[in-house]
PDB file of N, CA and C in Angstrom:
ATOM      1  N   MET A   1       0.998  -1.204  -0.112  1.00  0.00           N
ATOM      2  CA  MET A   1      -0.130   0.270   0.168  1.00  0.00           C
ATOM      3  C   MET A   1       1.106   1.206   0.034  1.00  0.00           C
ATOM      4  N   ILE A   2       0.372   2.155  -0.851  1.00  0.00           N
ATOM      5  CA  ILE A   2       1.195   3.774  -0.512  1.00  0.00           C
ATOM      6  C   ILE A   2       0.833   4.631   0.048  1.00  0.00           C
ATOM      7  N   ARG A   3       1.679   4.850   1.106  1.00  0.00           N
ATOM      8  CA  ARG A   3       1.094   6.085   1.716  1.00  0.00           C
ATOM      9  C   ARG A   3       1.972   7.446   1.739  1.00  0.00           C
ATOM     10  N   THR A   4       3.189   7.564   0.974  1.00  0.00           N
ATOM     11  CA  THR A   4       3.103   8.857   0.989  1.00  0.00           C
ATOM     12  C   THR A   4       3.726   9.189  -0.360  1.00  0.00           C
ATOM     13  N   LYS A   5       3.898  10.384  -0.509  1.00  0.00           N
ATOM     14  CA  LYS A   5       3.869  10.760  -2.223  1.00  0.00           C
ATOM     15  C   LYS A   5       5.153  10.390  -2.449  1.00  0.00           C
ATOM     16  N   LYS A   6       6.189  10.145  -2.089  1.00  0.00           N
ATOM     17  CA  LYS A   6       7.373   9.426  -2.469  1.00  0.00           C
ATOM     18  C   LYS A   6       6.989   8.075  -2.738  1.00  0.00           C
ATOM     19  N   GLU A   7       6.585   7.592  -2.032  1.00  0.00           N
ATOM     20  CA  GLU A   7       6.269   5.874  -2.305  1.00  0.00           C
ATOM     21  C   GLU A   7       5.337   6.498  -3.633  1.00  0.00           C
ATOM     22  N   ALA A   8       4.509   6.810  -3.815  1.00  0.00           N
ATOM     23  CA  ALA A   8       4.154   6.891  -5.074  1.00  0.00           C
ATOM     24  C   ALA A   8       5.146   7.291  -6.349  1.00  0.00           C
ATOM     25  N   LEU A   9       5.880   8.262  -5.801  1.00  0.00           N
ATOM     26  CA  LEU A   9       6.902   8.869  -6.979  1.00  0.00           C
ATOM     27  C   LEU A   9       7.725   7.614  -7.427  1.00  0.00           C
ATOM     28  N   ASP A  10       8.464   6.753  -6.611  1.00  0.00           N
ATOM     29  CA  ASP A  10       9.384   5.719  -6.366  1.00  0.00           C
ATOM     30  C   ASP A  10       8.441   4.469  -7.149  1.00  0.00           C
ATOM     31  N   LEU A  11       7.440   4.606  -7.188  1.00  0.00           N
ATOM     32  CA  LEU A  11       6.764   3.224  -7.969  1.00  0.00           C
ATOM     33  C   LEU A  11       6.528   3.830  -9.556  1.00  0.00           C
ATOM     34  N   LEU A  12       6.239   4.935  -9.630  1.00  0.00           N
ATOM     35  CA  LEU A  12       6.379   5.535 -10.835  1.00  0.00           C
ATOM     36  C   LEU A  12       7.528   5.740 -11.446  1.00  0.00           C
ATOM     37  N   ALA A  13       8.621   5.846 -10.955  1.00  0.00           N
ATOM     38  CA  ALA A  13       9.911   5.573 -11.621  1.00  0.00           C
ATOM     39  C   ALA A  13      10.333   4.278 -11.709  1.00  0.00           C
ATOM     40  N   ARG A  14      10.328   3.024 -10.530  1.00  0.00           N
ATOM     41  CA  ARG A  14      10.329   1.748 -11.100  1.00  0.00           C
ATOM     42  C   ARG A  14       9.332   0.907 -12.158  1.00  0.00           C
ATOM     43  N   LYS A  15       8.495   1.728 -12.412  1.00  0.00           N
ATOM     44  CA  LYS A  15       7.499   1.331 -13.496  1.00  0.00           C
ATOM     45  C   LYS A  15       7.954   1.753 -14.839  1.00  0.00           C
ATOM     46  N   GLY A  16       9.112   2.497 -14.686  1.00  0.00           N
ATOM     47  CA  GLY A  16       9.823   2.963 -15.844  1.00  0.00           C
ATOM     48  C   GLY A  16       9.329   4.566 -16.586  1.00  0.00           C
ATOM     49  N   VAL A  17       8.463   4.997 -15.533  1.00  0.00           N
ATOM     50  CA  VAL A  17       8.269   6.588 -15.808  1.00  0.00           C
ATOM     51  C   VAL A  17       9.174   7.254 -15.872  1.00  0.00           C
ATOM     52  N   ASN A  18      10.054   8.315 -17.004  1.00  0.00           N
ATOM     53  CA  ASN A  18      11.015   9.103 -16.681  1.00  0.00           C
ATOM     54  C   ASN A  18      10.492  10.182 -17.203  1.00  0.00           C
ATOM     55  N   ILE A  19      10.946  11.166 -16.439  1.00  0.00           N
ATOM     56  CA  ILE A  19      10.478  12.843 -16.523  1.00  0.00           C
ATOM     57  C   ILE A  19      11.339  13.283 -16.599  1.00  0.00           C
ATOM     58  N   ASP A  20      11.299  14.012 -17.626  1.00  0.00           N
ATOM     59  CA  ASP A  20      12.187  15.332 -18.389  1.00  0.00           C
ATOM     60  C   ASP A  20      12.002  16.957 -17.927  1.00  0.00           C
ATOM     61  N   LEU A  21      10.913  16.932 -17.346  1.00  0.00           N
ATOM     62  CA  LEU A  21      10.285  18.108 -17.245  1.00  0.00           C
ATOM     63  C   LEU A  21       9.305  18.097 -16.013  1.00  0.00           C
ATOM     64  N   VAL A  22       9.578  19.173 -14.743  1.00  0.00           N
ATOM     65  CA  VAL A  22       8.221  18.716 -13.574  1.00  0.00           C
ATOM     66  C   VAL A  22       8.246  20.426 -13.580  1.00  0.00           C
ATOM     67  N   VAL A  23       6.624  20.836 -13.142  1.00  0.00           N
ATOM     68  CA  VAL A  23       6.405  22.347 -13.084  1.00  0.00           C
ATOM     69  C   VAL A  23       5.657  22.089 -11.800  1.00  0.00           C
ATOM     70  N   ASP A  24       6.141  22.799 -10.803  1.00  0.00           N
ATOM     71  CA  ASP A  24       5.729  22.658  -9.169  1.00  0.00           C
ATOM     72  C   ASP A  24       5.192  23.414  -9.057  1.00  0.00           C
ATOM     73  N   VAL A  25       3.584  23.340  -9.233  1.00  0.00           N
ATOM     74  CA  VAL A  25       2.461  24.493  -9.414  1.00  0.00           C
ATOM     75  C   VAL A  25       2.329  24.826  -7.429  1.00  0.00           C
ATOM     76  N   GLY A  26       2.557  26.045  -6.873  1.00  0.00           N
ATOM     77  CA  GLY A  26       2.366  25.805  -5.724  1.00  0.00           C
ATOM     78  C   GLY A  26       3.485  25.334  -4.535  1.00  0.00           C
ATOM     79  N   ALA A  27       4.864  25.637  -5.090  1.00  0.00           N
ATOM     80  CA  ALA A  27       5.751  24.915  -4.776  1.00  0.00           C
ATOM     81  C   ALA A  27       6.552  25.368  -3.064  1.00  0.00           C
ATOM     82  N   HIS A  28       5.504  26.044  -2.220  1.00  0.00           N
ATOM     83  CA  HIS A  28       6.050  26.982  -1.340  1.00  0.00           C
ATOM     84  C   HIS A  28       6.798  25.699  -0.167  1.00  0.00           C
ATOM     85  N   PHE A  29       6.719  24.395  -0.361  1.00  0.00           N
ATOM     86  CA  PHE A  29       7.270  23.808   0.717  1.00  0.00           C
ATOM     87  C   PHE A  29       8.092  22.665  -0.478  1.00  0.00           C
ATOM     88  N   GLU A  30       9.203  22.225  -0.103  1.00  0.00           N
ATOM     89  CA  GLU A  30       9.372  20.968  -1.070  1.00  0.00           C
ATOM     90  C   GLU A  30       8.296  19.801  -1.351  1.00  0.00           C
ATOM     91  N   THR A  31       8.211  19.448  -2.437  1.00  0.00           N
ATOM     92  CA  THR A  31       7.185  18.406  -2.632  1.00  0.00           C
ATOM     93  C   THR A  31       7.982  16.699  -2.223  1.00  0.00           C
ATOM     94  N   GLU A  32       7.891  15.995  -1.123  1.00  0.00           N
ATOM     95  CA  GLU A  32       8.524  15.180  -0.926  1.00  0.00           C
ATOM     96  C   GLU A  32       8.732  13.995  -1.870  1.00  0.00           C
ATOM     97  N   GLY A  33       9.687  13.843  -1.924  1.00  0.00           N
ATOM     98  CA  GLY A  33      10.197  12.841  -3.116  1.00  0.00           C
ATOM     99  C   GLY A  33      10.582  13.517  -4.448  1.00  0.00           C
ATOM    100  N   LEU A  34       9.808  14.281  -4.810  1.00  0.00           N
ATOM    101  CA  LEU A  34       9.748  14.889  -6.176  1.00  0.00           C
ATOM    102  C   LEU A  34      10.878  15.004  -6.757  1.00  0.00           C
ATOM    103  N   TYR A  35      11.852  16.106  -6.037  1.00  0.00           N
ATOM    104  CA  TYR A  35      13.354  15.915  -6.685  1.00  0.00           C
ATOM    105  C   TYR A  35      14.209  15.166  -6.333  1.00  0.00           C
ATOM    106  N   SER A  36      14.452  14.061  -5.581  1.00  0.00           N
ATOM    107  CA  SER A  36      15.124  13.021  -5.369  1.00  0.00           C
ATOM    108  C   SER A  36      15.226  11.851  -6.545  1.00  0.00           C
ATOM    109  N   THR A  37      13.443  12.047  -6.887  1.00  0.00           N
ATOM    110  CA  THR A  37      13.086  10.854  -7.912  1.00  0.00           C
ATOM    111  C   THR A  37      13.663  10.917  -9.059  1.00  0.00           C
ATOM    112  N   TRP A  38      13.346  11.906  -9.633  1.00  0.00           N
ATOM    113  CA  TRP A  38      13.938  12.305 -10.936  1.00  0.00           C
ATOM    114  C   TRP A  38      14.948  13.584 -10.899  1.00  0.00           C
ATOM    115  N   PRO A  39      16.065  13.208 -10.305  1.00  0.00           N
ATOM    116  CA  PRO A  39      16.944  14.416 -10.196  1.00  0.00           C
ATOM    117  C   PRO A  39      17.588  15.236 -11.485  1.00  0.00           C
ATOM    118  N   LYS A  40      17.465  14.669 -12.579  1.00  0.00           N
ATOM    119  CA  LYS A  40      17.880  14.848 -13.678  1.00  0.00           C
ATOM    120  C   LYS A  40      16.798  15.978 -14.766  1.00  0.00           C
ATOM    121  N   ALA A  41      15.956  15.916 -14.147  1.00  0.00           N
ATOM    122  CA  ALA A  41      14.941  16.732 -14.713  1.00  0.00           C
ATOM    123  C   ALA A  41      14.996  17.752 -14.183  1.00  0.00           C
ATOM    124  N   HIS A  42      14.417  19.011 -15.502  1.00  0.00           N
ATOM    125  CA  HIS A  42      14.376  20.283 -15.175  1.00  0.00           C
ATOM    126  C   HIS A  42      13.087  20.440 -14.443  1.00  0.00           C
ATOM    127  N   PHE A  43      13.221  21.251 -13.382  1.00  0.00           N
ATOM    128  CA  PHE A  43      12.242  21.764 -12.775  1.00  0.00           C
ATOM    129  C   PHE A  43      11.861  23.180 -12.518  1.00  0.00           C
ATOM    130  N   VAL A  44      10.434  23.572 -12.732  1.00  0.00           N
ATOM    131  CA  VAL A  44       9.620  24.913 -12.593  1.00  0.00           C
ATOM    132  C   VAL A  44       9.409  25.316 -11.428  1.00  0.00           C
ATOM    133  N   MET A  45       9.833  26.202 -10.539  1.00  0.00           N
ATOM    134  CA  MET A  45       8.822  25.896  -9.695  1.00  0.00           C
ATOM    135  C   MET A  45       7.977  27.309  -9.475  1.00  0.00           C
ATOM    136  N   ILE A  46       6.364  27.840  -9.164  1.00  0.00           N
ATOM    137  CA  ILE A  46       5.753  28.559  -9.509  1.00  0.00           C
ATOM    138  C   ILE A  46       5.046  28.585  -8.128  1.00  0.00           C
ATOM    139  N   GLU A  47       5.268  29.760  -7.526  1.00  0.00           N
ATOM    140  CA  GLU A  47       5.163  29.976  -5.905  1.00  0.00           C
ATOM    141  C   GLU A  47       4.642  31.530  -5.898  1.00  0.00           C
ATOM    142  N   PRO A  48       3.490  32.112  -5.372  1.00  0.00           N
ATOM    143  CA  PRO A  48       3.155  33.509  -5.506  1.00  0.00           C
ATOM    144  C   PRO A  48       3.368  34.110  -4.093  1.00  0.00           C
ATOM    145  N   VAL A  49       3.724  33.374  -3.109  1.00  0.00           N
ATOM    146  CA  VAL A  49       3.693  34.048  -1.828  1.00  0.00           C
ATOM    147  C   VAL A  49       5.349  34.408  -1.472  1.00  0.00           C
ATOM    148  N   PRO A  50       5.763  35.619  -1.524  1.00  0.00           N
ATOM    149  CA  PRO A  50       7.133  36.359  -1.649  1.00  0.00           C
ATOM    150  C   PRO A  50       7.858  35.497  -0.297  1.00  0.00           C
ATOM    151  N   ILE A  51       7.027  35.212   0.509  1.00  0.00           N
ATOM    152  CA  ILE A  51       8.201  34.346   1.925  1.00  0.00           C
ATOM    153  C   ILE A  51       9.076  33.519   1.308  1.00  0.00           C
ATOM    154  N   HIS A  52       8.361  32.871   0.448  1.00  0.00           N
ATOM    155  CA  HIS A  52       9.145  31.334   0.106  1.00  0.00           C
ATOM    156  C   HIS A  52       9.813  31.487  -0.836  1.00  0.00           C
ATOM    157  N   ALA A  53      10.245  32.872  -1.217  1.00  0.00           N
ATOM    158  CA  ALA A  53      11.405  32.927  -2.298  1.00  0.00           C
ATOM    159  C   ALA A  53      12.759  32.660  -1.990  1.00  0.00           C
ATOM    160  N   THR A  54      13.409  33.006  -0.620  1.00  0.00           N
ATOM    161  CA  THR A  54      14.624  32.647  -0.545  1.00  0.00           C
ATOM    162  C   THR A  54      14.623  31.192  -0.467  1.00  0.00           C
ATOM    163  N   ALA A  55      13.677  30.560   0.122  1.00  0.00           N
ATOM    164  CA  ALA A  55      13.939  28.776   0.421  1.00  0.00           C
ATOM    165  C   ALA A  55      14.015  28.429  -0.952  1.00  0.00           C
ATOM    166  N   LEU A  56      12.924  28.650  -2.060  1.00  0.00           N
ATOM    167  CA  LEU A  56      13.260  28.238  -3.256  1.00  0.00           C
ATOM    168  C   LEU A  56      13.935  28.688  -4.034  1.00  0.00           C
ATOM    169  N   GLN A  57      14.932  29.454  -4.164  1.00  0.00           N
ATOM    170  CA  GLN A  57      15.694  30.153  -4.805  1.00  0.00           C
ATOM    171  C   GLN A  57      17.004  29.049  -4.436  1.00  0.00           C
ATOM    172  N   GLU A  58      17.174  28.777  -3.389  1.00  0.00           N
ATOM    173  CA  GLU A  58      18.144  28.367  -2.731  1.00  0.00           C
ATOM    174  C   GLU A  58      18.305  26.647  -3.105  1.00  0.00           C
ATOM    175  N   LEU A  59      16.819  26.100  -3.177  1.00  0.00           N
ATOM    176  CA  LEU A  59      16.875  24.693  -3.722  1.00  0.00           C
ATOM    177  C   LEU A  59      16.984  24.766  -5.128  1.00  0.00           C
ATOM    178  N   CYS A  60      16.520  25.866  -6.221  1.00  0.00           N
ATOM    179  CA  CYS A  60      17.048  25.629  -7.548  1.00  0.00           C
ATOM    180  C   CYS A  60      18.755  25.449  -7.643  1.00  0.00           C
ATOM    181  N   GLN A  61      19.369  26.140  -6.663  1.00  0.00           N
ATOM    182  CA  GLN A  61      20.610  26.044  -6.548  1.00  0.00           C
ATOM    183  C   GLN A  61      21.172  24.327  -6.364  1.00  0.00           C
ATOM    184  N   ARG A  62      20.687  23.819  -5.541  1.00  0.00           N
ATOM    185  CA  ARG A  62      20.906  22.367  -5.028  1.00  0.00           C
ATOM    186  C   ARG A  62      20.378  21.495  -6.463  1.00  0.00           C
ATOM    187  N   LEU A  63      19.703  21.772  -7.158  1.00  0.00           N
ATOM    188  CA  LEU A  63      19.500  21.170  -8.075  1.00  0.00           C
ATOM    189  C   LEU A  63      20.311  21.187  -9.421  1.00  0.00           C
ATOM    190  N   HIS A  64      20.132  19.932 -10.110  1.00  0.00           N
ATOM    191  CA  HIS A  64      20.956  19.699 -11.715  1.00  0.00           C
ATOM    192  C   HIS A  64      20.224  20.790 -12.522  1.00  0.00           C
ATOM    193  N   SER A  65      19.204  21.106 -12.508  1.00  0.00           N
ATOM    194  CA  SER A  65      18.876  22.403 -13.407  1.00  0.00           C
ATOM    195  C   SER A  65      17.072  22.815 -13.024  1.00  0.00           C
ATOM    196  N   ALA A  66      16.991  23.560 -12.745  1.00  0.00           N
ATOM    197  CA  ALA A  66      15.935  24.271 -12.174  1.00  0.00           C
ATOM    198  C   ALA A  66      15.660  25.703 -12.143  1.00  0.00           C
ATOM    199  N   GLU A  67      14.332  26.677 -12.309  1.00  0.00           N
ATOM    200  CA  GLU A  67      14.133  27.803 -12.305  1.00  0.00           C
ATOM    201  C   GLU A  67      13.020  27.863 -11.315  1.00  0.00           C
ATOM    202  N   TYR A  68      12.746  29.312 -10.734  1.00  0.00           N
ATOM    203  CA  TYR A  68      11.878  29.604  -9.937  1.00  0.00           C
ATOM    204  C   TYR A  68      11.335  30.814 -10.167  1.00  0.00           C
ATOM    205  N   LEU A  69       9.750  30.703 -10.112  1.00  0.00           N
ATOM    206  CA  LEU A  69       9.077  31.956 -11.181  1.00  0.00           C
ATOM    207  C   LEU A  69       8.084  32.281  -9.705  1.00  0.00           C
ATOM    208  N   GLN A  70       7.943  33.533  -9.420  1.00  0.00           N
ATOM    209  CA  GLN A  70       7.048  34.158  -8.138  1.00  0.00           C
ATOM    210  C   GLN A  70       5.859  34.813  -9.208  1.00  0.00           C
ATOM    211  N   ALA A  71       4.830  33.758  -9.462  1.00  0.00           N
ATOM    212  CA  ALA A  71       3.919  34.293 -10.186  1.00  0.00           C
ATOM    213  C   ALA A  71       2.689  33.343  -9.669  1.00  0.00           C
ATOM    214  N   ALA A  72       1.510  33.893  -9.890  1.00  0.00           N
ATOM    215  CA  ALA A  72       0.089  33.189  -9.752  1.00  0.00           C
ATOM    216  C   ALA A  72      -0.842  33.117 -11.321  1.00  0.00           C
ATOM    217  N   ALA A  73      -1.872  32.280 -11.421  1.00  0.00           N
ATOM    218  CA  ALA A  73      -2.642  32.563 -12.307  1.00  0.00           C
ATOM    219  C   ALA A  73      -4.209  33.298 -12.180  1.00  0.00           C
ATOM    220  N   GLY A  74      -4.205  33.488 -13.269  1.00  0.00           N
ATOM    221  CA  GLY A  74      -6.034  33.870 -13.085  1.00  0.00           C
ATOM    222  C   GLY A  74      -6.208  34.418 -14.291  1.00  0.00           C
ATOM    223  N   ALA A  75      -7.648  34.900 -14.672  1.00  0.00           N
ATOM    224  CA  ALA A  75      -8.259  34.587 -15.880  1.00  0.00           C
ATOM    225  C   ALA A  75      -7.853  35.961 -16.578  1.00  0.00           C
ATOM    226  N   GLU A  76      -7.263  37.006 -16.156  1.00  0.00           N
ATOM    227  CA  GLU A  76      -6.803  38.259 -16.967  1.00  0.00           C
ATOM    228  C   GLU A  76      -5.374  38.356 -16.539  1.00  0.00           C
ATOM    229  N   VAL A  77      -4.717  39.265 -17.253  1.00  0.00           N
ATOM    230  CA  VAL A  77      -3.391  39.645 -17.547  1.00  0.00           C
ATOM    231  C   VAL A  77      -3.267  40.828 -16.537  1.00  0.00           C
ATOM    232  N   GLY A  78      -2.376  40.700 -15.357  1.00  0.00           N
ATOM    233  CA  GLY A  78      -1.763  41.546 -14.732  1.00  0.00           C
ATOM    234  C   GLY A  78      -1.457  41.544 -13.294  1.00  0.00           C
ATOM    235  N   GLU A  79      -1.996  42.330 -12.442  1.00  0.00           N
ATOM    236  CA  GLU A  79      -1.005  42.098 -10.949  1.00  0.00           C
ATOM    237  C   GLU A  79      -2.041  41.999 -10.064  1.00  0.00           C
ATOM    238  N   LEU A  80      -2.034  41.212  -8.945  1.00  0.00           N
ATOM    239  CA  LEU A  80      -2.991  41.067  -8.152  1.00  0.00           C
ATOM    240  C   LEU A  80      -2.427  41.210  -6.582  1.00  0.00           C
ATOM    241  N   THR A  81      -3.318  41.294  -5.815  1.00  0.00           N
ATOM    242  CA  THR A  81      -3.065  41.495  -4.170  1.00  0.00           C
ATOM    243  C   THR A  81      -3.318  40.404  -3.743  1.00  0.00           C
ATOM    244  N   LEU A  82      -2.348  39.665  -2.706  1.00  0.00           N
ATOM    245  CA  LEU A  82      -2.459  38.689  -2.248  1.00  0.00           C
ATOM    246  C   LEU A  82      -2.532  38.419  -0.914  1.00  0.00           C
ATOM    247  N   ALA A  83      -3.677  38.169  -0.275  1.00  0.00           N
ATOM    248  CA  ALA A  83      -3.536  38.132   0.875  1.00  0.00           C
ATOM    249  C   ALA A  83      -3.480  36.523   1.926  1.00  0.00           C
ATOM    250  N   PHE A  84      -2.524  37.015   2.637  1.00  0.00           N
ATOM    251  CA  PHE A  84      -1.840  35.658   3.368  1.00  0.00           C
ATOM    252  C   PHE A  84      -1.151  35.438   4.772  1.00  0.00           C
ATOM    253  N   ASP A  85      -1.667  34.699   5.996  1.00  0.00           N
ATOM    254  CA  ASP A  85      -1.420  34.889   6.652  1.00  0.00           C
ATOM    255  C   ASP A  85       0.148  34.456   6.842  1.00  0.00           C
ATOM    256  N   PRO A  86       1.280  35.305   7.162  1.00  0.00           N
ATOM    257  CA  PRO A  86       2.633  35.034   7.113  1.00  0.00           C
ATOM    258  C   PRO A  86       3.262  33.921   8.408  1.00  0.00           C
ATOM    259  N   GLU A  87       2.226  33.934   9.313  1.00  0.00           N
ATOM    260  CA  GLU A  87       2.724  32.563  10.423  1.00  0.00           C
ATOM    261  C   GLU A  87       2.073  31.528   9.872  1.00  0.00           C
ATOM    262  N   ALA A  88       1.094  30.999   9.409  1.00  0.00           N
ATOM    263  CA  ALA A  88       0.669  29.900   8.357  1.00  0.00           C
ATOM    264  C   ALA A  88       0.340  30.104   7.147  1.00  0.00           C
ATOM    265  N   PRO A  89       1.041  30.591   5.988  1.00  0.00           N
ATOM    266  CA  PRO A  89       0.695  30.623   4.932  1.00  0.00           C
ATOM    267  C   PRO A  89      -0.109  29.358   4.173  1.00  0.00           C
TER     268      PRO A  89
END
């Protein structure tokens, strides 16, 4: 029985799923197992909350190929105001 994200990702890799590109939307916390399962993939991390920027930029430096974008998606092009609790985002 699969109990964690890492176990599910490991199963995919063992079944022959080879990933070249990972787009991690809402990347504010490192997704368990994602980066270690396919270490040679290119990772695009998208996260709108600015307090996570430093950690994600540091993660990009540790990976083989990665980039971080501070962005959000919506119905219209433009800027938005994002409200969040900095103590528990």
